[in-house]
Amino acid sequence: MESREILDGELEQILKWEKEQKDLFIWDKIGRLPFAMLDKVMPKAIKQKIGDALNEVGQYLQTGGKFLVQKKKVAKLLQQEAECSGYPMTSDYIYRLEQDTDTVNTAKIHSVEKLPLEVLDRVADSITESRSKFAAAQGAATGFGGIVTIAADIPLVMGLSLKVLQEMALCYGYDPDDPLERIFIVKCLQFSSADIVGKKAIIDELADYDNPDKQVEVISQMQGWREVFNSYSESFGWKKLFQLVPIAGMIFGSVSNKNTIQDVAEAGKMLYKKRLILQRLK
């Protein structure tokens, strides 16, 4: 396990990253403006599709729903990276990894406590790269048909964002099945699209998140989850407006979706890593 000096150094880097989170670029701010116009020209069926996606996200907060990832896949990535880095897992852990029951899945998540941060970071970076490539391909596909296919794109990006954040949670030893972790994941999603004021507020909200008294406060703040995702949808702005153009939307959709997932994954990695470091320091 890392020394206290190494953990302090890692924590310092994360705090530096938090301070460096800039305000939205001017084109992002302007980009929120056409969303009202976009809302007017969108057919009713497409609006319903987006509304259904928001409702599904609300269901995710309550039960996890269809967005929950398979823990076994992330655990295998951790096992492979650990072995390649010279930190072989015990035979008991490898045996547990091959099982499918929820009890075993929960048990294997906490085994990351035996792994150094460098191993966890490499797995997180690998997942980010893989999911970003998938998002780019998805954005190109949904951008090809213009307004006809954009109805599918926003729900897909939301779903992929949730899943990559769950994978970040698993990388650092947290269980996305836990309702409190689902709230933390939604906060990470909100953070990735917030402006500088919003980012600061979320960092303050998530400080000392594992404190039971603090958790009650965070839960009460998540009662307005729909507002969180309305804000997230608005952040698409010009990105989705340009994607309405058939064929040309392929390029814009690909770049836009890739950047979105990269931002979401980075937020999840840094915020979950910070929690783990603080726990290890204690």
Protein backbone atom coordinates (compact mmCIF):
# COMPACT_ATOMS: atom_id res chain seq x y z
CA MET A 1 0.00 0.00 0.00
CA GLU A 2 1.11 3.55 -0.63
CA SER A 3 2.88 5.57 2.02
CA ARG A 4 1.19 8.59 3.54
CA GLU A 5 3.51 10.84 1.53
CA ILE A 6 2.34 9.28 -1.74
CA LEU A 7 -1.32 9.57 -0.76
CA ASP A 8 -0.82 13.20 0.26
CA GLY A 9 0.81 13.87 -3.11
CA GLU A 10 -2.07 12.23 -5.00
CA LEU A 11 -4.60 14.20 -2.98
CA GLU A 12 -2.74 17.42 -3.71
CA GLN A 13 -2.99 16.71 -7.45
CA ILE A 14 -6.75 16.16 -7.18
CA LEU A 15 -7.24 19.37 -5.19
CA LYS A 16 -5.22 21.18 -7.86
CA TRP A 17 -7.50 19.68 -10.53
CA GLU A 18 -10.55 20.90 -8.63
CA LYS A 19 -9.17 24.45 -8.52
CA GLU A 20 -8.36 24.33 -12.23
CA GLN A 21 -11.94 23.56 -13.23
CA LYS A 22 -12.71 26.59 -15.32
CA ASP A 23 -15.94 28.33 -16.12
CA LEU A 24 -17.73 27.18 -19.26
CA PHE A 25 -16.12 28.38 -22.46
CA ILE A 26 -17.97 31.29 -24.00
CA TRP A 27 -19.25 29.08 -26.84
CA ASP A 28 -20.63 26.65 -24.26
CA LYS A 29 -22.48 29.49 -22.56
CA ILE A 30 -23.84 30.69 -25.89
CA GLY A 31 -24.53 27.07 -26.71
CA ARG A 32 -27.21 26.88 -24.06
CA LEU A 33 -29.23 29.62 -25.74
CA PRO A 34 -30.57 27.74 -28.78
CA PHE A 35 -31.93 24.95 -26.62
CA ALA A 36 -35.23 26.84 -26.28
CA MET A 37 -35.41 27.13 -30.07
CA LEU A 38 -34.46 23.49 -30.43
CA ASP A 39 -37.29 22.62 -28.06
CA LYS A 40 -39.76 24.45 -30.31
CA VAL A 41 -38.79 22.71 -33.54
CA MET A 42 -38.53 19.22 -32.10
CA PRO A 43 -41.44 16.92 -32.91
CA LYS A 44 -43.60 15.80 -30.01
CA ALA A 45 -42.40 12.20 -30.35
CA ILE A 46 -38.77 13.25 -29.86
CA LYS A 47 -39.65 15.33 -26.79
CA GLN A 48 -41.43 12.29 -25.39
CA LYS A 49 -38.34 10.17 -26.01
CA ILE A 50 -36.16 12.59 -24.03
CA GLY A 51 -38.78 12.79 -21.28
CA ASP A 52 -38.82 9.01 -21.02
CA ALA A 53 -35.03 9.03 -20.68
CA LEU A 54 -35.27 11.48 -17.79
CA ASN A 55 -37.84 9.28 -16.10
CA GLU A 56 -35.56 6.26 -16.52
CA VAL A 57 -32.76 8.20 -14.83
CA GLY A 58 -35.11 8.91 -11.95
CA GLN A 59 -35.79 5.19 -11.77
CA TYR A 60 -32.03 4.59 -11.70
CA LEU A 61 -31.79 6.69 -8.55
CA GLN A 62 -34.47 4.57 -6.93
CA THR A 63 -33.63 1.03 -8.03
CA GLY A 64 -30.65 1.06 -10.38
CA GLY A 65 -32.81 -0.11 -13.26
CA LYS A 66 -31.37 -1.25 -16.56
CA PHE A 67 -28.38 1.09 -16.30
CA LEU A 68 -26.48 -1.08 -13.80
CA VAL A 69 -23.25 -2.50 -15.21
CA GLN A 70 -21.82 -5.98 -14.76
CA LYS A 71 -19.31 -5.84 -11.93
CA LYS A 72 -17.59 -8.98 -13.13
CA LYS A 73 -16.20 -7.29 -16.26
CA VAL A 74 -14.58 -4.45 -14.29
CA ALA A 75 -13.26 -6.93 -11.74
CA LYS A 76 -11.55 -8.91 -14.51
CA LEU A 77 -9.89 -5.75 -15.81
CA LEU A 78 -8.62 -5.05 -12.29
CA GLN A 79 -7.33 -8.60 -11.98
CA GLN A 80 -5.49 -8.46 -15.32
CA GLU A 81 -3.91 -5.07 -14.60
CA ALA A 82 -2.92 -6.13 -11.09
CA GLU A 83 -1.17 -9.23 -12.37
CA CYS A 84 0.61 -7.30 -15.15
CA SER A 85 1.79 -4.75 -12.58
CA GLY A 86 3.16 -7.37 -10.20
CA TYR A 87 0.29 -7.41 -7.72
CA PRO A 88 -1.21 -10.87 -8.23
CA MET A 89 -4.51 -11.52 -6.54
CA THR A 90 -4.99 -14.38 -4.12
CA SER A 91 -6.40 -17.67 -5.37
CA ASP A 92 -9.46 -17.08 -3.18
CA TYR A 93 -10.15 -13.80 -4.96
CA ILE A 94 -9.72 -15.35 -8.41
CA TYR A 95 -12.15 -18.11 -7.44
CA ARG A 96 -14.66 -15.58 -6.20
CA LEU A 97 -14.27 -13.65 -9.45
CA GLU A 98 -15.62 -16.59 -11.43
CA GLN A 99 -18.88 -16.70 -9.52
CA ASP A 100 -22.08 -14.87 -10.49
CA THR A 101 -24.03 -14.33 -7.27
CA ASP A 102 -24.67 -10.86 -5.88
CA THR A 103 -23.00 -11.81 -2.59
CA VAL A 104 -19.76 -12.69 -4.34
CA ASN A 105 -19.95 -9.62 -6.56
CA THR A 106 -20.19 -7.38 -3.51
CA ALA A 107 -17.31 -9.20 -1.83
CA LYS A 108 -14.96 -8.79 -4.75
CA ILE A 109 -15.52 -5.03 -5.08
CA HIS A 110 -13.81 -4.33 -1.79
CA SER A 111 -10.69 -6.26 -2.78
CA VAL A 112 -9.38 -3.10 -4.51
CA GLU A 113 -8.30 -2.01 -1.05
CA LYS A 114 -5.31 -4.31 -1.55
CA LEU A 115 -4.29 -2.61 -4.81
CA PRO A 116 -2.20 0.56 -5.22
CA LEU A 117 -3.73 3.65 -6.80
CA GLU A 118 -1.55 3.33 -9.91
CA VAL A 119 -3.27 0.06 -10.81
CA LEU A 120 -6.73 1.49 -10.25
CA ASP A 121 -5.86 4.59 -12.30
CA ARG A 122 -4.72 2.52 -15.28
CA VAL A 123 -7.93 0.52 -15.29
CA ALA A 124 -9.97 3.73 -15.04
CA ASP A 125 -8.01 5.26 -17.95
CA SER A 126 -8.50 2.12 -20.02
CA ILE A 127 -12.26 2.21 -19.45
CA THR A 128 -12.35 5.92 -20.33
CA GLU A 129 -10.59 5.31 -23.63
CA SER A 130 -12.83 2.39 -24.54
CA ARG A 131 -16.08 4.15 -23.68
CA SER A 132 -14.99 7.36 -25.44
CA LYS A 133 -14.37 5.45 -28.67
CA PHE A 134 -17.77 3.83 -28.36
CA ALA A 135 -19.41 7.23 -27.76
CA ALA A 136 -17.67 8.66 -30.84
CA ALA A 137 -19.00 5.84 -33.02
CA GLN A 138 -22.45 6.23 -31.50
CA GLY A 139 -22.45 9.99 -32.10
CA ALA A 140 -21.45 9.49 -35.72
CA ALA A 141 -24.23 6.96 -36.25
CA THR A 142 -26.95 9.07 -34.67
CA GLY A 143 -25.66 12.24 -36.35
CA PHE A 144 -26.00 10.68 -39.81
CA GLY A 145 -29.79 10.96 -39.90
CA GLY A 146 -30.17 14.46 -38.46
CA ILE A 147 -33.32 15.16 -36.46
CA VAL A 148 -34.68 11.68 -37.17
CA THR A 149 -31.92 9.92 -35.20
CA ILE A 150 -31.09 12.60 -32.62
CA ALA A 151 -34.06 11.33 -30.61
CA ALA A 152 -32.02 8.24 -29.81
CA ASP A 153 -28.75 10.07 -29.18
CA ILE A 154 -29.54 12.05 -26.02
CA PRO A 155 -30.91 9.05 -24.08
CA LEU A 156 -27.97 6.94 -25.26
CA VAL A 157 -25.43 9.53 -24.11
CA MET A 158 -27.16 9.78 -20.73
CA GLY A 159 -27.17 6.01 -20.34
CA LEU A 160 -23.51 5.69 -21.35
CA SER A 161 -22.57 8.52 -18.98
CA LEU A 162 -24.23 6.72 -16.08
CA LYS A 163 -22.56 3.44 -16.95
CA VAL A 164 -19.05 4.88 -17.26
CA LEU A 165 -19.49 6.54 -13.87
CA GLN A 166 -20.57 3.23 -12.36
CA GLU A 167 -17.40 1.70 -13.78
CA MET A 168 -15.34 4.47 -12.23
CA ALA A 169 -17.02 3.65 -8.91
CA LEU A 170 -16.11 -0.03 -9.26
CA CYS A 171 -12.51 0.84 -10.16
CA TYR A 172 -12.05 2.58 -6.82
CA GLY A 173 -13.95 0.02 -4.73
CA TYR A 174 -17.44 1.50 -4.45
CA ASP A 175 -20.66 -0.39 -5.11
CA PRO A 176 -22.96 1.35 -7.65
CA ASP A 177 -25.84 -0.84 -6.43
CA ASP A 178 -25.80 1.15 -3.19
CA PRO A 179 -28.43 3.94 -3.30
CA LEU A 180 -25.95 6.39 -1.77
CA GLU A 181 -23.47 5.62 -4.54
CA ARG A 182 -26.15 6.19 -7.15
CA ILE A 183 -26.64 9.66 -5.70
CA PHE A 184 -22.88 10.26 -5.79
CA ILE A 185 -22.83 9.15 -9.45
CA VAL A 186 -25.58 11.61 -10.35
CA LYS A 187 -23.61 14.36 -8.62
CA CYS A 188 -20.56 13.44 -10.71
CA LEU A 189 -22.72 13.68 -13.82
CA GLN A 190 -23.98 17.07 -12.73
CA PHE A 191 -20.42 18.20 -12.01
CA SER A 192 -19.25 17.37 -15.52
CA SER A 193 -21.71 19.81 -17.11
CA ALA A 194 -21.84 22.52 -14.43
CA ASP A 195 -20.27 25.98 -14.58
CA ILE A 196 -17.61 27.12 -12.11
CA VAL A 197 -20.19 28.07 -9.46
CA GLY A 198 -21.97 24.76 -9.80
CA LYS A 199 -18.71 22.81 -9.66
CA LYS A 200 -17.68 24.52 -6.43
CA ALA A 201 -21.09 23.85 -4.87
CA ILE A 202 -20.92 20.15 -5.79
CA ILE A 203 -17.37 19.77 -4.44
CA ASP A 204 -18.57 21.28 -1.17
CA GLU A 205 -21.60 18.96 -1.12
CA LEU A 206 -19.46 15.88 -1.68
CA ALA A 207 -16.84 16.78 0.90
CA ASP A 208 -16.79 14.14 3.62
CA TYR A 209 -19.48 12.22 1.72
CA ASP A 210 -18.92 9.05 3.74
CA ASN A 211 -19.95 10.83 6.93
CA PRO A 212 -23.45 9.47 7.82
CA ASP A 213 -24.68 12.92 8.84
CA LYS A 214 -23.48 14.39 5.58
CA GLN A 215 -25.27 11.72 3.55
CA VAL A 216 -28.65 12.81 4.86
CA GLU A 217 -28.01 16.32 3.59
CA VAL A 218 -26.96 15.11 0.14
CA ILE A 219 -30.04 12.92 -0.18
CA SER A 220 -32.31 15.85 0.58
CA GLN A 221 -30.56 17.92 -2.08
CA MET A 222 -31.20 15.22 -4.70
CA GLN A 223 -34.98 15.53 -4.40
CA GLY A 224 -34.85 17.84 -7.42
CA TRP A 225 -33.05 15.31 -9.60
CA ARG A 226 -35.15 16.23 -12.64
CA GLU A 227 -33.70 19.75 -12.54
CA VAL A 228 -30.23 18.22 -12.59
CA PHE A 229 -30.95 16.37 -15.81
CA ASN A 230 -32.85 19.23 -17.41
CA SER A 231 -29.70 21.28 -16.86
CA TYR A 232 -27.61 18.43 -18.25
CA SER A 233 -29.79 18.29 -21.36
CA GLU A 234 -29.51 22.04 -21.88
CA SER A 235 -25.73 21.79 -21.87
CA PHE A 236 -25.96 20.03 -25.24
CA GLY A 237 -26.96 23.36 -26.80
CA TRP A 238 -25.27 24.01 -30.12
CA LYS A 239 -23.80 20.52 -30.09
CA LYS A 240 -27.17 18.95 -30.73
CA LEU A 241 -28.33 21.82 -32.92
CA PHE A 242 -25.46 21.19 -35.34
CA GLN A 243 -26.08 17.50 -35.11
CA LEU A 244 -29.54 18.07 -36.60
CA VAL A 245 -27.91 18.54 -40.00
CA PRO A 246 -27.88 15.18 -41.80
CA ILE A 247 -24.49 13.68 -42.69
CA ALA A 248 -22.57 16.76 -41.43
CA GLY A 249 -23.89 15.83 -38.02
CA MET A 250 -21.79 12.66 -38.14
CA ILE A 251 -18.56 14.52 -37.47
CA PHE A 252 -20.04 16.90 -34.93
CA GLY A 253 -21.93 14.13 -33.17
CA SER A 254 -18.83 11.95 -32.97
CA VAL A 255 -16.62 14.66 -31.45
CA SER A 256 -19.37 15.95 -29.16
CA ASN A 257 -20.24 12.56 -27.68
CA LYS A 258 -16.60 11.57 -27.27
CA ASN A 259 -15.81 14.78 -25.37
CA THR A 260 -18.91 14.38 -23.21
CA ILE A 261 -17.95 10.88 -22.07
CA GLN A 262 -14.33 11.92 -21.50
CA ASP A 263 -15.46 14.80 -19.27
CA VAL A 264 -17.87 12.57 -17.36
CA ALA A 265 -15.27 9.84 -16.87
CA GLU A 266 -12.64 12.34 -15.70
CA ALA A 267 -15.04 13.80 -13.13
CA GLY A 268 -15.91 10.32 -11.86
CA LYS A 269 -12.29 9.22 -11.68
CA MET A 270 -11.08 12.26 -9.77
CA LEU A 271 -13.99 12.45 -7.33
CA TYR A 272 -14.00 8.74 -6.52
CA LYS A 273 -10.22 8.65 -6.26
CA LYS A 274 -10.37 11.54 -3.81
CA ARG A 275 -12.80 9.60 -1.60
CA LEU A 276 -10.58 6.52 -1.62
CA ILE A 277 -7.45 8.53 -0.78
CA LEU A 278 -9.20 10.23 2.15
CA GLN A 279 -10.32 6.83 3.44
CA ARG A 280 -6.80 5.42 3.18
CA LEU A 281 -5.35 8.42 4.94
CA LYS A 282 -7.69 7.77 7.86
